[in-house]
C-alpha atoms as a PDB file:
ATOM      1  CA  MET A   1       6.507  -6.393  -9.164  1.00  0.00           C
ATOM      2  CA  THR A   2       7.500  -7.587 -12.603  1.00  0.00           C
ATOM      3  CA  ASN A   3       5.687  -6.663 -15.850  1.00  0.00           C
ATOM      4  CA  LEU A   4       4.127 -10.160 -16.000  1.00  0.00           C
ATOM      5  CA  GLN A   5       2.743  -9.844 -12.521  1.00  0.00           C
ATOM      6  CA  PHE A   6       1.378  -6.392 -13.318  1.00  0.00           C
ATOM      7  CA  ILE A   7      -0.307  -7.623 -16.464  1.00  0.00           C
ATOM      8  CA  ALA A   8      -1.662 -10.862 -14.776  1.00  0.00           C
ATOM      9  CA  LYS A   9      -3.694  -8.740 -12.358  1.00  0.00           C
ATOM     10  CA  SER A  10      -5.934  -7.674 -15.240  1.00  0.00           C
ATOM     11  CA  VAL A  11      -5.616 -10.468 -17.798  1.00  0.00           C
ATOM     12  CA  GLN A  12      -6.919 -13.900 -16.840  1.00  0.00           C
ATOM     13  CA  THR A  13      -4.599 -16.390 -18.561  1.00  0.00           C
ATOM     14  CA  ALA A  14      -1.472 -18.400 -17.886  1.00  0.00           C
ATOM     15  CA  ALA A  15       1.769 -16.505 -17.135  1.00  0.00           C
ATOM     16  CA  ILE A  16       3.517 -18.240 -20.059  1.00  0.00           C
ATOM     17  CA  ASN A  17       0.872 -16.848 -22.512  1.00  0.00           C
ATOM     18  CA  ILE A  18       1.501 -13.347 -21.221  1.00  0.00           C
ATOM     19  CA  GLN A  19       5.277 -13.726 -21.499  1.00  0.00           C
ATOM     20  CA  ASN A  20       5.095 -15.051 -25.071  1.00  0.00           C
ATOM     21  CA  THR A  21       2.608 -12.332 -26.075  1.00  0.00           C
ATOM     22  CA  VAL A  22       4.842  -9.567 -24.658  1.00  0.00           C
ATOM     23  CA  GLN A  23       7.862 -11.061 -26.418  1.00  0.00           C
ATOM     24  CA  LEU A  24       6.003 -11.186 -29.724  1.00  0.00           C
ATOM     25  CA  LEU A  25       4.959  -7.591 -29.308  1.00  0.00           C
ATOM     26  CA  GLN A  26       8.533  -6.516 -28.470  1.00  0.00           C
ATOM     27  CA  GLU A  27       9.550  -8.225 -31.784  1.00  0.00           C
ATOM     28  CA  ASP A  28       7.199  -5.774 -33.595  1.00  0.00           C
ATOM     29  CA  CYS A  29       4.564  -8.486 -34.497  1.00  0.00           C
ATOM     30  CA  THR A  30       1.215  -6.894 -35.115  1.00  0.00           C
ATOM     31  CA  ILE A  31      -1.790  -7.754 -33.004  1.00  0.00           C
ATOM     32  CA  PRO A  32      -3.754  -9.336 -35.844  1.00  0.00           C
ATOM     33  CA  PHE A  33      -0.718 -11.429 -36.773  1.00  0.00           C
ATOM     34  CA  ILE A  34      -0.201 -12.730 -33.218  1.00  0.00           C
ATOM     35  CA  SER A  35      -3.922 -13.456 -32.838  1.00  0.00           C
ATOM     36  CA  ARG A  36      -4.160 -15.451 -36.111  1.00  0.00           C
ATOM     37  CA  TYR A  37      -0.855 -17.088 -36.576  1.00  0.00           C
ATOM     38  CA  ARG A  38       0.653 -17.447 -33.077  1.00  0.00           C
ATOM     39  CA  LYS A  39      -2.170 -19.137 -31.228  1.00  0.00           C
ATOM     40  CA  ASP A  40       0.115 -21.858 -30.045  1.00  0.00           C
ATOM     41  CA  LYS A  41       2.336 -19.215 -28.303  1.00  0.00           C
ATOM     42  CA  THR A  42      -0.620 -17.168 -26.776  1.00  0.00           C
ATOM     43  CA  GLY A  43      -2.958 -19.872 -25.638  1.00  0.00           C
ATOM     44  CA  ASN A  44      -5.573 -18.742 -28.252  1.00  0.00           C
ATOM     45  CA  LEU A  45      -5.853 -15.198 -26.943  1.00  0.00           C
ATOM     46  CA  ASP A  46      -8.034 -13.028 -29.123  1.00  0.00           C
ATOM     47  CA  GLU A  47      -7.167  -9.519 -30.431  1.00  0.00           C
ATOM     48  CA  VAL A  48      -8.941  -7.749 -27.555  1.00  0.00           C
ATOM     49  CA  GLN A  49      -6.875  -9.643 -24.985  1.00  0.00           C
ATOM     50  CA  ILE A  50      -3.617  -9.106 -26.858  1.00  0.00           C
ATOM     51  CA  GLU A  51      -4.398  -5.390 -27.244  1.00  0.00           C
ATOM     52  CA  GLN A  52      -5.045  -5.260 -23.446  1.00  0.00           C
ATOM     53  CA  ILE A  53      -1.674  -6.901 -22.761  1.00  0.00           C
ATOM     54  CA  ALA A  54      -0.003  -4.422 -25.106  1.00  0.00           C
ATOM     55  CA  LYS A  55      -1.617  -1.519 -23.313  1.00  0.00           C
ATOM     56  CA  LEU A  56      -0.714  -2.855 -19.836  1.00  0.00           C
ATOM     57  CA  GLN A  57       2.924  -3.431 -20.927  1.00  0.00           C
ATOM     58  CA  LYS A  58       3.156   0.144 -22.088  1.00  0.00           C
ATOM     59  CA  GLU A  59       1.550   1.328 -18.852  1.00  0.00           C
ATOM     60  CA  TYR A  60       4.067  -0.660 -16.783  1.00  0.00           C
ATOM     61  CA  GLU A  61       6.973   0.851 -18.704  1.00  0.00           C
ATOM     62  CA  ILE A  62       5.608   4.376 -18.107  1.00  0.00           C
ATOM     63  CA  ILE A  63       5.204   3.659 -14.353  1.00  0.00           C
ATOM     64  CA  VAL A  64       8.761   2.237 -14.055  1.00  0.00           C
ATOM     65  CA  LYS A  65      10.216   5.271 -15.907  1.00  0.00           C
ATOM     66  CA  ARG A  66       8.301   7.729 -13.796  1.00  0.00           C
ATOM     67  CA  LYS A  67       9.261   5.956 -10.621  1.00  0.00           C
ATOM     68  CA  GLU A  68      12.965   6.228 -11.511  1.00  0.00           C
ATOM     69  CA  ALA A  69      12.551   9.924 -12.223  1.00  0.00           C
ATOM     70  CA  ILE A  70      10.806  10.534  -8.948  1.00  0.00           C
ATOM     71  CA  LEU A  71      13.378   8.632  -6.935  1.00  0.00           C
ATOM     72  CA  LYS A  72      16.235  10.521  -8.637  1.00  0.00           C
ATOM     73  CA  SER A  73      14.649  13.866  -8.020  1.00  0.00           C
ATOM     74  CA  ILE A  74      13.897  13.220  -4.341  1.00  0.00           C
ATOM     75  CA  GLU A  75      17.441  11.725  -3.840  1.00  0.00           C
ATOM     76  CA  GLU A  76      18.997  14.868  -5.381  1.00  0.00           C
ATOM     77  CA  GLN A  77      17.167  16.875  -2.667  1.00  0.00           C
ATOM     78  CA  ASN A  78      18.688  14.651  -0.018  1.00  0.00           C
ATOM     79  CA  ALA A  79      15.158  13.833   1.098  1.00  0.00           C
ATOM     80  CA  LEU A  80      14.772  10.155   0.289  1.00  0.00           C
ATOM     81  CA  THR A  81      14.186   8.172   3.534  1.00  0.00           C
ATOM     82  CA  PRO A  82      14.242   4.288   3.593  1.00  0.00           C
ATOM     83  CA  GLU A  83      10.509   4.377   4.362  1.00  0.00           C
ATOM     84  CA  LEU A  84       9.627   6.615   1.437  1.00  0.00           C
ATOM     85  CA  ASP A  85      11.944   4.654  -0.896  1.00  0.00           C
ATOM     86  CA  LYS A  86      10.105   1.384   0.080  1.00  0.00           C
ATOM     87  CA  LYS A  87       6.638   3.024  -0.510  1.00  0.00           C
ATOM     88  CA  ILE A  88       7.659   4.269  -3.911  1.00  0.00           C
ATOM     89  CA  GLN A  89       9.298   0.971  -4.950  1.00  0.00           C
ATOM     90  CA  GLU A  90       6.210  -0.979  -3.973  1.00  0.00           C
ATOM     91  CA  SER A  91       3.703   1.315  -5.660  1.00  0.00           C
ATOM     92  CA  PHE A  92       2.527   0.657  -9.232  1.00  0.00           C
ATOM     93  CA  ASP A  93      -0.135   3.311  -9.348  1.00  0.00           C
ATOM     94  CA  LEU A  94       0.764   6.486 -11.212  1.00  0.00           C
ATOM     95  CA  GLN A  95      -1.619   8.659  -9.151  1.00  0.00           C
ATOM     96  CA  GLU A  96      -0.204   7.288  -5.926  1.00  0.00           C
ATOM     97  CA  LEU A  97       3.371   7.903  -7.129  1.00  0.00           C
ATOM     98  CA  GLU A  98       2.503  11.582  -7.925  1.00  0.00           C
ATOM     99  CA  ASP A  99       1.010  11.877  -4.456  1.00  0.00           C
ATOM    100  CA  PHE A 100       4.265  10.676  -2.904  1.00  0.00           C
ATOM    101  CA  TYR A 101       6.181  13.063  -5.089  1.00  0.00           C
ATOM    102  CA  LEU A 102       3.922  16.106  -4.430  1.00  0.00           C
ATOM    103  CA  PRO A 103       5.840  17.477  -1.317  1.00  0.00           C
ATOM    104  CA  PHE A 104       9.095  17.419  -3.285  1.00  0.00           C
ATOM    105  CA  LYS A 105       7.902  18.673  -6.666  1.00  0.00           C
ATOM    106  CA  LYS A 106       9.448  21.944  -7.768  1.00  0.00           C
ATOM    107  CA  LYS A 107       6.738  24.606  -7.860  1.00  0.00           C
ATOM    108  CA  LYS A 108       6.222  28.305  -7.712  1.00  0.00           C
ATOM    109  CA  LYS A 109       6.638  29.966  -4.243  1.00  0.00           C
ATOM    110  CA  THR A 110       3.460  29.238  -2.283  1.00  0.00           C
ATOM    111  CA  LYS A 111       1.932  30.959   0.711  1.00  0.00           C
ATOM    112  CA  ALA A 112       3.423  28.191   2.836  1.00  0.00           C
ATOM    113  CA  ASP A 113       6.860  28.811   1.477  1.00  0.00           C
ATOM    114  CA  VAL A 114       6.598  32.452   2.455  1.00  0.00           C
ATOM    115  CA  ALA A 115       5.434  31.484   6.001  1.00  0.00           C
ATOM    116  CA  ARG A 116       8.370  29.067   6.312  1.00  0.00           C
ATOM    117  CA  GLU A 117      10.805  31.831   5.306  1.00  0.00           C
ATOM    118  CA  ASN A 118       9.300  33.927   8.107  1.00  0.00           C
ATOM    119  CA  GLY A 119      10.098  31.208  10.616  1.00  0.00           C
ATOM    120  CA  LEU A 120       6.508  29.992  11.208  1.00  0.00           C
ATOM    121  CA  GLU A 121       6.944  26.248  10.685  1.00  0.00           C
ATOM    122  CA  PRO A 122       7.501  25.524  14.355  1.00  0.00           C
ATOM    123  CA  LEU A 123       4.271  27.263  15.213  1.00  0.00           C
ATOM    124  CA  ALA A 124       2.513  25.297  12.545  1.00  0.00           C
ATOM    125  CA  LYS A 125       3.860  22.016  14.112  1.00  0.00           C
ATOM    126  CA  ILE A 126       2.540  23.081  17.526  1.00  0.00           C
ATOM    127  CA  ILE A 127      -0.873  23.845  16.109  1.00  0.00           C
ATOM    128  CA  MET A 128      -0.979  20.631  14.069  1.00  0.00           C
ATOM    129  CA  ALA A 129      -0.071  18.655  17.229  1.00  0.00           C
ATOM    130  CA  GLN A 130      -3.456  19.871  18.628  1.00  0.00           C
ATOM    131  CA  LYS A 131      -2.500  19.642  22.291  1.00  0.00           C
ATOM    132  CA  ASN A 132      -3.493  21.977  25.100  1.00  0.00           C
ATOM    133  CA  ASP A 133      -0.983  24.750  24.224  1.00  0.00           C
ATOM    134  CA  ASP A 134      -2.271  28.307  24.196  1.00  0.00           C
ATOM    135  CA  VAL A 135      -1.470  28.894  20.529  1.00  0.00           C
ATOM    136  CA  ASP A 136      -2.732  32.451  20.489  1.00  0.00           C
ATOM    137  CA  PHE A 137      -0.093  33.281  23.165  1.00  0.00           C
ATOM    138  CA  LEU A 138       2.648  31.201  21.495  1.00  0.00           C
ATOM    139  CA  ALA A 139       2.023  33.073  18.201  1.00  0.00           C
ATOM    140  CA  THR A 140       3.383  36.283  19.838  1.00  0.00           C
ATOM    141  CA  LYS A 141       6.851  34.592  20.034  1.00  0.00           C
ATOM    142  CA  TYR A 142       7.082  34.510  16.238  1.00  0.00           C
ATOM    143  CA  LEU A 143       6.733  38.142  15.525  1.00  0.00           C
ATOM    144  CA  ASN A 144       9.412  39.826  13.372  1.00  0.00           C
ATOM    145  CA  ASP A 145       9.779  42.545  10.702  1.00  0.00           C
ATOM    146  CA  ASN A 146       7.473  40.672   8.357  1.00  0.00           C
ATOM    147  CA  ILE A 147       5.110  39.117  10.931  1.00  0.00           C
ATOM    148  CA  ILE A 148       3.812  42.238  12.758  1.00  0.00           C
ATOM    149  CA  ASN A 149       0.990  40.739  14.808  1.00  0.00           C
ATOM    150  CA  GLU A 150      -0.347  37.604  16.316  1.00  0.00           C
ATOM    151  CA  GLU A 151      -3.031  37.039  13.617  1.00  0.00           C
ATOM    152  CA  SER A 152      -0.335  37.257  10.785  1.00  0.00           C
ATOM    153  CA  ALA A 153       1.647  34.574  12.573  1.00  0.00           C
ATOM    154  CA  LEU A 154      -1.417  32.297  12.937  1.00  0.00           C
ATOM    155  CA  GLN A 155      -2.389  32.888   9.297  1.00  0.00           C
ATOM    156  CA  GLY A 156       1.092  31.908   8.152  1.00  0.00           C
ATOM    157  CA  ALA A 157       0.960  28.734  10.299  1.00  0.00           C
ATOM    158  CA  ARG A 158      -2.436  27.826   8.831  1.00  0.00           C
ATOM    159  CA  ASP A 159      -1.004  28.269   5.293  1.00  0.00           C
ATOM    160  CA  ILE A 160       1.631  25.716   6.117  1.00  0.00           C
ATOM    161  CA  ILE A 161      -0.866  23.354   7.610  1.00  0.00           C
ATOM    162  CA  ALA A 162      -3.095  23.685   4.565  1.00  0.00           C
ATOM    163  CA  GLU A 163      -0.211  22.610   2.422  1.00  0.00           C
ATOM    164  CA  TRP A 164       0.479  19.589   4.666  1.00  0.00           C
ATOM    165  CA  ILE A 165      -3.176  18.528   4.365  1.00  0.00           C
ATOM    166  CA  ASN A 166      -3.055  18.975   0.595  1.00  0.00           C
ATOM    167  CA  GLU A 167      -0.058  16.698   0.479  1.00  0.00           C
ATOM    168  CA  ASN A 168      -1.579  13.988   2.745  1.00  0.00           C
ATOM    169  CA  ILE A 169      -1.871  10.934   0.647  1.00  0.00           C
ATOM    170  CA  TYR A 170      -4.724   9.477   2.699  1.00  0.00           C
ATOM    171  CA  VAL A 171      -6.789  12.641   2.379  1.00  0.00           C
ATOM    172  CA  ARG A 172      -6.341  12.642  -1.343  1.00  0.00           C
ATOM    173  CA  LYS A 173      -7.258   8.924  -1.665  1.00  0.00           C
ATOM    174  CA  GLN A 174     -10.490   9.389   0.310  1.00  0.00           C
ATOM    175  CA  LEU A 175     -11.450  12.532  -1.603  1.00  0.00           C
ATOM    176  CA  ARG A 176     -10.912  10.756  -4.900  1.00  0.00           C
ATOM    177  CA  ARG A 177     -13.220   7.985  -3.760  1.00  0.00           C
ATOM    178  CA  LEU A 178     -15.856  10.560  -2.848  1.00  0.00           C
ATOM    179  CA  PHE A 179     -15.602  12.181  -6.318  1.00  0.00           C
ATOM    180  CA  GLN A 180     -15.712   8.801  -8.022  1.00  0.00           C
ATOM    181  CA  ARG A 181     -18.924   7.902  -6.238  1.00  0.00           C
ATOM    182  CA  LYS A 182     -20.788  11.254  -5.846  1.00  0.00           C
ATOM    183  CA  ALA A 183     -19.378  13.914  -8.145  1.00  0.00           C
ATOM    184  CA  THR A 184     -21.898  16.159 -10.023  1.00  0.00           C
ATOM    185  CA  ILE A 185     -21.058  17.865 -13.266  1.00  0.00           C
ATOM    186  CA  THR A 186     -22.673  21.294 -13.563  1.00  0.00           C
ATOM    187  CA  THR A 187     -22.638  23.773 -16.500  1.00  0.00           C
ATOM    188  CA  LYS A 188     -23.543  27.457 -16.787  1.00  0.00           C
ATOM    189  CA  VAL A 189     -23.688  29.508 -19.978  1.00  0.00           C
ATOM    190  CA  VAL A 190     -21.254  32.378 -20.514  1.00  0.00           C
ATOM    191  CA  LYS A 191     -23.643  35.277 -20.679  1.00  0.00           C
ATOM    192  CA  ASP A 192     -22.042  37.333 -23.438  1.00  0.00           C
ATOM    193  CA  LYS A 193     -21.805  34.196 -25.608  1.00  0.00           C
ATOM    194  CA  LYS A 194     -25.429  33.105 -25.137  1.00  0.00           C
ATOM    195  CA  GLU A 195     -26.900  34.806 -28.194  1.00  0.00           C
ATOM    196  CA  GLU A 196     -24.181  33.710 -30.713  1.00  0.00           C
ATOM    197  CA  SER A 197     -25.456  31.452 -33.402  1.00  0.00           C
ATOM    198  CA  GLU A 198     -22.671  28.918 -32.848  1.00  0.00           C
ATOM    199  CA  ALA A 199     -23.736  28.687 -29.167  1.00  0.00           C
ATOM    200  CA  GLN A 200     -27.252  27.450 -30.010  1.00  0.00           C
ATOM    201  CA  LYS A 201     -26.059  23.915 -30.763  1.00  0.00           C
ATOM    202  CA  PHE A 202     -25.049  23.680 -27.117  1.00  0.00           C
ATOM    203  CA  SER A 203     -28.151  25.344 -25.741  1.00  0.00           C
ATOM    204  CA  GLN A 204     -29.235  22.223 -23.782  1.00  0.00           C
ATOM    205  CA  TYR A 205     -26.011  22.591 -21.672  1.00  0.00           C
ATOM    206  CA  PHE A 206     -26.544  26.266 -20.742  1.00  0.00           C
ATOM    207  CA  ASP A 207     -27.836  25.190 -17.373  1.00  0.00           C
ATOM    208  CA  TRP A 208     -27.233  21.537 -16.781  1.00  0.00           C
ATOM    209  CA  SER A 209     -26.490  19.320 -13.756  1.00  0.00           C
ATOM    210  CA  GLU A 210     -26.317  15.504 -13.296  1.00  0.00           C
ATOM    211  CA  PRO A 211     -24.129  12.866 -11.539  1.00  0.00           C
ATOM    212  CA  LEU A 212     -20.870  12.424 -13.356  1.00  0.00           C
ATOM    213  CA  THR A 213     -21.144   8.637 -13.174  1.00  0.00           C
ATOM    214  CA  LYS A 214     -24.440   8.814 -15.149  1.00  0.00           C
ATOM    215  CA  THR A 215     -23.270  11.160 -17.813  1.00  0.00           C
ATOM    216  CA  PRO A 216     -23.163   9.445 -21.245  1.00  0.00           C
ATOM    217  CA  SER A 217     -19.895   9.672 -23.193  1.00  0.00           C
ATOM    218  CA  HIS A 218     -21.337  11.701 -26.018  1.00  0.00           C
ATOM    219  CA  ARG A 219     -22.930  14.209 -23.600  1.00  0.00           C
ATOM    220  CA  LEU A 220     -19.657  14.686 -21.655  1.00  0.00           C
ATOM    221  CA  LEU A 221     -17.612  15.205 -24.771  1.00  0.00           C
ATOM    222  CA  ALA A 222     -20.172  17.725 -26.075  1.00  0.00           C
ATOM    223  CA  MET A 223     -19.992  19.636 -22.802  1.00  0.00           C
ATOM    224  CA  LEU A 224     -16.217  19.719 -22.922  1.00  0.00           C
ATOM    225  CA  ARG A 225     -16.299  20.949 -26.471  1.00  0.00           C
ATOM    226  CA  ALA A 226     -18.765  23.726 -25.564  1.00  0.00           C
ATOM    227  CA  GLU A 227     -16.443  24.674 -22.696  1.00  0.00           C
ATOM    228  CA  ASN A 228     -13.326  24.713 -24.973  1.00  0.00           C
ATOM    229  CA  GLU A 229     -15.200  26.967 -27.390  1.00  0.00           C
ATOM    230  CA  GLY A 230     -16.013  29.392 -24.597  1.00  0.00           C
ATOM    231  CA  PHE A 231     -19.792  28.970 -24.511  1.00  0.00           C
ATOM    232  CA  ILE A 232     -20.205  27.444 -21.093  1.00  0.00           C
ATOM    233  CA  LYS A 233     -18.368  27.097 -17.780  1.00  0.00           C
ATOM    234  CA  LEU A 234     -18.074  23.544 -16.385  1.00  0.00           C
ATOM    235  CA  LYS A 235     -17.616  22.332 -12.820  1.00  0.00           C
ATOM    236  CA  VAL A 236     -17.177  18.919 -11.214  1.00  0.00           C
ATOM    237  CA  GLU A 237     -18.029  19.055  -7.530  1.00  0.00           C
ATOM    238  CA  VAL A 238     -19.203  17.134  -4.489  1.00  0.00           C
ATOM    239  CA  ASP A 239     -21.112  18.131  -1.341  1.00  0.00           C
ATOM    240  CA  ILE A 240     -18.615  20.348   0.512  1.00  0.00           C
ATOM    241  CA  ASP A 241     -19.787  19.105   3.914  1.00  0.00           C
ATOM    242  CA  GLU A 242     -19.020  15.516   3.003  1.00  0.00           C
ATOM    243  CA  ALA A 243     -15.574  16.540   1.832  1.00  0.00           C
ATOM    244  CA  TYR A 244     -14.947  18.358   5.136  1.00  0.00           C
ATOM    245  CA  ASP A 245     -16.136  15.349   7.159  1.00  0.00           C
ATOM    246  CA  ILE A 246     -13.594  13.118   5.367  1.00  0.00           C
ATOM    247  CA  ILE A 247     -10.715  15.493   6.036  1.00  0.00           C
ATOM    248  CA  ASP A 248     -11.838  16.183   9.685  1.00  0.00           C
ATOM    249  CA  GLU A 249     -11.873  12.460  10.413  1.00  0.00           C
ATOM    250  CA  LEU A 250      -8.251  12.110   9.062  1.00  0.00           C
ATOM    251  CA  ILE A 251      -6.745  15.291  10.550  1.00  0.00           C
ATOM    252  CA  LEU A 252      -8.574  16.407  13.719  1.00  0.00           C
ATOM    253  CA  LYS A 253      -7.575  14.915  17.063  1.00  0.00           C
ATOM    254  CA  GLY A 254     -10.424  16.008  19.277  1.00  0.00           C
ATOM    255  CA  GLN A 255     -10.978  19.406  20.857  1.00  0.00           C
ATOM    256  CA  SER A 256      -8.126  21.691  21.896  1.00  0.00           C
ATOM    257  CA  PRO A 257      -7.236  25.334  21.688  1.00  0.00           C
ATOM    258  CA  ALA A 258      -5.684  24.642  18.303  1.00  0.00           C
ATOM    259  CA  THR A 259      -8.765  22.981  16.807  1.00  0.00           C
ATOM    260  CA  PRO A 260     -10.329  26.155  15.345  1.00  0.00           C
ATOM    261  CA  HIS A 261      -7.094  27.009  13.615  1.00  0.00           C
ATOM    262  CA  VAL A 262      -6.804  23.487  12.131  1.00  0.00           C
ATOM    263  CA  GLN A 263     -10.402  23.640  10.924  1.00  0.00           C
ATOM    264  CA  LEU A 264      -9.717  26.937   9.155  1.00  0.00           C
ATOM    265  CA  ALA A 265      -6.724  25.297   7.502  1.00  0.00           C
ATOM    266  CA  ILE A 266      -8.813  22.402   6.409  1.00  0.00           C
ATOM    267  CA  GLU A 267     -11.388  24.707   4.774  1.00  0.00           C
ATOM    268  CA  ASP A 268      -8.598  26.705   3.082  1.00  0.00           C
ATOM    269  CA  SER A 269      -6.787  23.471   1.918  1.00  0.00           C
ATOM    270  CA  TYR A 270      -9.950  22.045   0.373  1.00  0.00           C
ATOM    271  CA  LYS A 271     -11.119  25.173  -1.400  1.00  0.00           C
ATOM    272  CA  ARG A 272      -7.771  26.491  -2.625  1.00  0.00           C
ATOM    273  CA  LEU A 273      -5.814  23.263  -3.212  1.00  0.00           C
ATOM    274  CA  LEU A 274      -7.508  19.994  -2.949  1.00  0.00           C
ATOM    275  CA  ASN A 275     -10.901  20.583  -4.640  1.00  0.00           C
ATOM    276  CA  PRO A 276      -9.392  22.068  -7.883  1.00  0.00           C
ATOM    277  CA  ALA A 277      -6.861  19.276  -8.119  1.00  0.00           C
ATOM    278  CA  VAL A 278      -9.202  16.272  -7.371  1.00  0.00           C
ATOM    279  CA  SER A 279     -12.073  17.638  -9.364  1.00  0.00           C
ATOM    280  CA  ASN A 280      -9.854  18.053 -12.379  1.00  0.00           C
ATOM    281  CA  GLU A 281      -8.565  14.465 -11.896  1.00  0.00           C
ATOM    282  CA  ALA A 282     -12.153  13.223 -11.804  1.00  0.00           C
ATOM    283  CA  LEU A 283     -12.995  15.095 -14.979  1.00  0.00           C
ATOM    284  CA  GLN A 284      -9.952  13.873 -16.833  1.00  0.00           C
ATOM    285  CA  GLU A 285     -10.697  10.291 -15.754  1.00  0.00           C
ATOM    286  CA  ALA A 286     -14.206  10.559 -17.048  1.00  0.00           C
ATOM    287  CA  LYS A 287     -12.995  12.110 -20.253  1.00  0.00           C
ATOM    288  CA  ALA A 288     -10.521   9.312 -20.837  1.00  0.00           C
ATOM    289  CA  LYS A 289     -13.347   6.768 -20.420  1.00  0.00           C
ATOM    290  CA  ALA A 290     -15.601   8.757 -22.764  1.00  0.00           C
ATOM    291  CA  ASP A 291     -12.889   8.930 -25.375  1.00  0.00           C
ATOM    292  CA  ALA A 292     -12.197   5.157 -25.202  1.00  0.00           C
ATOM    293  CA  ASN A 293     -16.031   4.414 -25.465  1.00  0.00           C
ATOM    294  CA  SER A 294     -16.387   6.784 -28.411  1.00  0.00           C
ATOM    295  CA  ILE A 295     -13.509   5.154 -30.234  1.00  0.00           C
ATOM    296  CA  GLN A 296     -15.094   1.719 -29.609  1.00  0.00           C
ATOM    297  CA  VAL A 297     -18.412   2.864 -30.941  1.00  0.00           C
ATOM    298  CA  PHE A 298     -16.714   4.324 -33.959  1.00  0.00           C
ATOM    299  CA  ALA A 299     -14.737   1.059 -34.553  1.00  0.00           C
ATOM    300  CA  ASN A 300     -17.919  -1.025 -34.290  1.00  0.00           C
ATOM    301  CA  ASN A 301     -19.857   1.183 -36.699  1.00  0.00           C
ATOM    302  CA  LEU A 302     -16.940   1.232 -39.153  1.00  0.00           C
ATOM    303  CA  GLY A 303     -16.694  -2.550 -38.944  1.00  0.00           C
ATOM    304  CA  GLN A 304     -20.357  -2.968 -39.887  1.00  0.00           C
ATOM    305  CA  LEU A 305     -19.987  -0.510 -42.727  1.00  0.00           C
ATOM    306  CA  LEU A 306     -16.966  -2.311 -44.190  1.00  0.00           C
ATOM    307  CA  LEU A 307     -18.729  -5.679 -43.897  1.00  0.00           C
ATOM    308  CA  ALA A 308     -21.856  -4.437 -45.618  1.00  0.00           C
ATOM    309  CA  PRO A 309     -22.448  -5.541 -49.264  1.00  0.00           C
ATOM    310  CA  PRO A 310     -21.013  -2.791 -51.490  1.00  0.00           C
ATOM    311  CA  LEU A 311     -23.982  -2.773 -53.860  1.00  0.00           C
ATOM    312  CA  GLY A 312     -26.714  -3.747 -51.429  1.00  0.00           C
ATOM    313  CA  GLU A 313     -29.080  -6.528 -52.529  1.00  0.00           C
ATOM    314  CA  LYS A 314     -28.226  -6.739 -56.212  1.00  0.00           C
ATOM    315  CA  ARG A 315     -28.690  -9.824 -58.376  1.00  0.00           C
ATOM    316  CA  ILE A 316     -25.401 -10.993 -59.880  1.00  0.00           C
ATOM    317  CA  LEU A 317     -26.507 -14.073 -61.738  1.00  0.00           C
ATOM    318  CA  ALA A 318     -29.825 -14.545 -63.548  1.00  0.00           C
END
């Protein structure tokens, strides 16, 4: 996808107008200048549309740069398959690109890494296949100096499966949609801060809960400020059973001796890995929208202030 195609998905105007606008921006022309003096080039685009094109062009450049870095990193690990390369090349969504990169991202040693070092990945694959194997019996074949009993082997295998579920791009997409539709923002006061004088200006958020989609920008920013100053604790969450249902539908393959172990891995993956990551994404997305809305309100108010008569209604001529 070219930059013009990327921008055209969001800006309704002829491709030549987008091309000319991008060229003018790259020549360091300002948005007001382009809007007022290059109407013949832009097809009479206004400042808002030109600013949107500038923003989308910058977003496109960030995506291309990130894509190159991801491909280079995976290639250096000798893990880039033709299928993965195609998926990354075709994606122009930063979040999706990060999901593709997640299994290859360098990170601290995890529980799953320790389990792999102890030779438990083959057992994890057997459990994840969810066939009629007696996994409890098979676990005894993976005992060693570090894995001293059957339950330790099964726990290690579940740690690996939990990581696989966390890295599943379809699971993440569906959970994001759930958070976008049904997330609730909840706050609780920090007890030893409650009586401080500075805390009183945030007192209405000492015990607050409402749908994230209905939270006004000013309220969200106030809650985030209260959290940053240590007066409240803030959570973004969804109904846990709905989250489990989504993951179950994507991961479970019916009933088998392995099913209880996969279900335990699903619960662990959601509580320990997926929920913290996706809830943080939802909060950051809401904050970005709140910031943009606040800037727009400030700009509108400032515009009205600057256009107001400097002396009010004052007679100049008799």
